Amino acid sequence: MFKFRYFFCSLPYHYMQLKDLFRLQIKEKTMSELKTKFDELENRIQKLIYLHKQVKSENTKLVQLNRKLELELKDEKEKYFRLEEGLTNLKESERNMTNRNISGIKRKINEMIGEIDRSVTLISEQHKK
């Protein structure tokens, strides 16, 4: 009976040792799984950092290209407005020149008419005499 009793008394001790052994195995397994998951997580983070750097670099290039294109657009708009202004000035000067030419032609026609009138008057006076 004593041995039997000793067996039951020592059973909790052995049980505790087994339980601790299982805990250690589970802990090691869990630690191993955690390490694997952390390694995977670290790899994913490294990949995200790399992708972030690439996107940031591309964004910087696109911002520079955008600035360059905006400056070119501004220059082209200025050229367009200068050309529009030049065209307006050219049309205005053509109108003025045309008006001057018309005025000059009218003046010459009036002078010719006046000369013709004088000539007709002279001819009439000579014809009366």
Protein backbone atom coordinates (compact mmCIF):
# COMPACT_ATOMS: atom_id res chain seq x y z
CA MET A 1 0.00 0.00 0.00
CA PHE A 2 2.81 2.33 0.73
CA LYS A 3 4.29 1.89 -2.73
CA PHE A 4 0.96 2.41 -4.29
CA ARG A 5 0.50 5.55 -2.31
CA TYR A 6 3.98 6.72 -3.24
CA PHE A 7 3.15 6.16 -6.86
CA PHE A 8 0.06 8.35 -6.64
CA CYS A 9 1.94 10.99 -4.73
CA SER A 10 4.72 11.13 -7.28
CA LEU A 11 2.27 11.13 -10.20
CA PRO A 12 1.58 14.83 -9.95
CA TYR A 13 5.30 15.46 -10.00
CA HIS A 14 5.76 13.39 -13.16
CA TYR A 15 2.69 14.95 -14.62
CA MET A 16 4.18 18.39 -13.96
CA GLN A 17 7.43 17.38 -15.60
CA LEU A 18 5.57 16.07 -18.66
CA LYS A 19 3.45 19.14 -18.74
CA ASP A 20 6.56 21.33 -18.59
CA LEU A 21 8.17 19.25 -21.32
CA PHE A 22 5.08 19.68 -23.55
CA ARG A 23 5.04 23.37 -22.77
CA LEU A 24 8.65 23.65 -23.82
CA GLN A 25 7.98 21.73 -27.02
CA ILE A 26 4.92 23.85 -27.73
CA LYS A 27 6.88 26.96 -26.84
CA GLU A 28 9.70 25.92 -29.14
CA LYS A 29 7.22 25.13 -31.88
CA THR A 30 5.41 28.39 -31.28
CA MET A 31 8.71 30.28 -31.14
CA SER A 32 9.77 28.62 -34.35
CA GLU A 33 6.49 29.57 -35.98
CA LEU A 34 6.78 33.08 -34.60
CA LYS A 35 10.32 33.38 -35.91
CA THR A 36 9.16 32.21 -39.32
CA LYS A 37 6.28 34.66 -39.27
CA PHE A 38 8.53 37.49 -38.12
CA ASP A 39 11.00 36.65 -40.91
CA GLU A 40 8.15 36.70 -43.42
CA LEU A 41 6.92 39.97 -41.96
CA GLU A 42 10.40 41.46 -42.13
CA ASN A 43 10.74 40.37 -45.77
CA ARG A 44 7.39 41.94 -46.61
CA ILE A 45 8.37 45.14 -44.82
CA GLN A 46 11.69 45.24 -46.70
CA LYS A 47 9.81 44.74 -49.97
CA LEU A 48 7.39 47.53 -49.07
CA ILE A 49 10.29 49.83 -48.21
CA TYR A 50 11.93 49.03 -51.56
CA LEU A 51 8.67 49.64 -53.43
CA HIS A 52 8.13 52.86 -51.49
CA LYS A 53 11.58 54.11 -52.54
CA GLN A 54 10.85 53.24 -56.16
CA VAL A 55 7.46 54.99 -56.11
CA LYS A 56 8.98 58.01 -54.36
CA SER A 57 11.73 58.21 -56.97
CA GLU A 58 9.21 57.90 -59.80
CA ASN A 59 7.02 60.54 -58.15
CA THR A 60 9.98 62.92 -57.94
CA LYS A 61 10.71 62.40 -61.64
CA LEU A 62 7.05 62.98 -62.53
CA VAL A 63 6.92 66.16 -60.42
CA GLN A 64 10.02 67.47 -62.22
CA LEU A 65 8.54 66.56 -65.61
CA ASN A 66 5.28 68.26 -64.64
CA ARG A 67 7.14 71.46 -63.68
CA LYS A 68 9.06 71.38 -66.96
CA LEU A 69 5.84 70.91 -68.94
CA GLU A 70 4.11 73.70 -67.01
CA LEU A 71 7.00 76.07 -67.83
CA GLU A 72 6.85 75.06 -71.50
CA LEU A 73 3.09 75.63 -71.50
CA LYS A 74 3.56 79.06 -69.93
CA ASP A 75 6.15 79.96 -72.58
CA GLU A 76 3.89 78.75 -75.37
CA LYS A 77 0.97 80.77 -73.98
CA GLU A 78 3.17 83.88 -73.87
CA LYS A 79 4.27 83.28 -77.48
CA TYR A 80 0.64 82.81 -78.49
CA PHE A 81 -0.43 86.08 -76.84
CA ARG A 82 2.52 87.94 -78.43
CA LEU A 83 1.57 86.51 -81.83
CA GLU A 84 -2.08 87.47 -81.28
CA GLU A 85 -1.00 90.98 -80.32
CA GLY A 86 1.28 91.18 -83.36
CA LEU A 87 -1.53 90.00 -85.63
CA THR A 88 -3.90 92.58 -84.16
CA ASN A 89 -1.28 95.32 -84.68
CA LEU A 90 -0.65 94.13 -88.24
CA LYS A 91 -4.36 94.19 -89.08
CA GLU A 92 -4.68 97.65 -87.56
CA SER A 93 -1.71 98.97 -89.51
CA GLU A 94 -3.07 97.38 -92.72
CA ARG A 95 -6.40 99.11 -92.09
CA ASN A 96 -4.63 102.42 -91.47
CA MET A 97 -2.49 101.97 -94.56
CA THR A 98 -5.52 101.03 -96.63
CA ASN A 99 -7.37 104.09 -95.32
CA ARG A 100 -4.34 106.26 -96.12
CA ASN A 101 -4.07 104.70 -99.58
CA ILE A 102 -7.77 105.27 -100.17
CA SER A 103 -7.42 108.86 -98.95
CA GLY A 104 -4.38 109.31 -101.18
CA ILE A 105 -6.20 107.84 -104.16
CA LYS A 106 -9.24 110.06 -103.48
CA ARG A 107 -6.97 113.10 -103.25
CA LYS A 108 -5.27 112.18 -106.53
CA ILE A 109 -8.65 111.59 -108.17
CA ASN A 110 -9.87 114.95 -106.88
CA GLU A 111 -6.68 116.58 -108.17
CA MET A 112 -7.20 114.91 -111.57
CA ILE A 113 -10.84 115.99 -111.61
CA GLY A 114 -9.77 119.50 -110.72
CA GLU A 115 -7.17 119.43 -113.49
CA ILE A 116 -9.73 118.08 -115.93
CA ASP A 117 -12.15 120.86 -114.87
CA ARG A 118 -9.46 123.48 -115.43
CA SER A 119 -8.58 121.93 -118.77
CA VAL A 120 -12.25 121.85 -119.78
CA THR A 121 -12.60 125.47 -118.65
CA LEU A 122 -9.55 126.49 -120.65
CA ILE A 123 -10.78 124.62 -123.69
CA SER A 124 -14.20 126.20 -123.29
CA GLU A 125 -12.68 129.67 -123.00
CA GLN A 126 -10.48 129.07 -126.01
CA HIS A 127 -13.36 127.70 -127.95
CA LYS A 128 -15.49 130.79 -127.14
CA LYS A 129 -12.83 133.11 -128.38
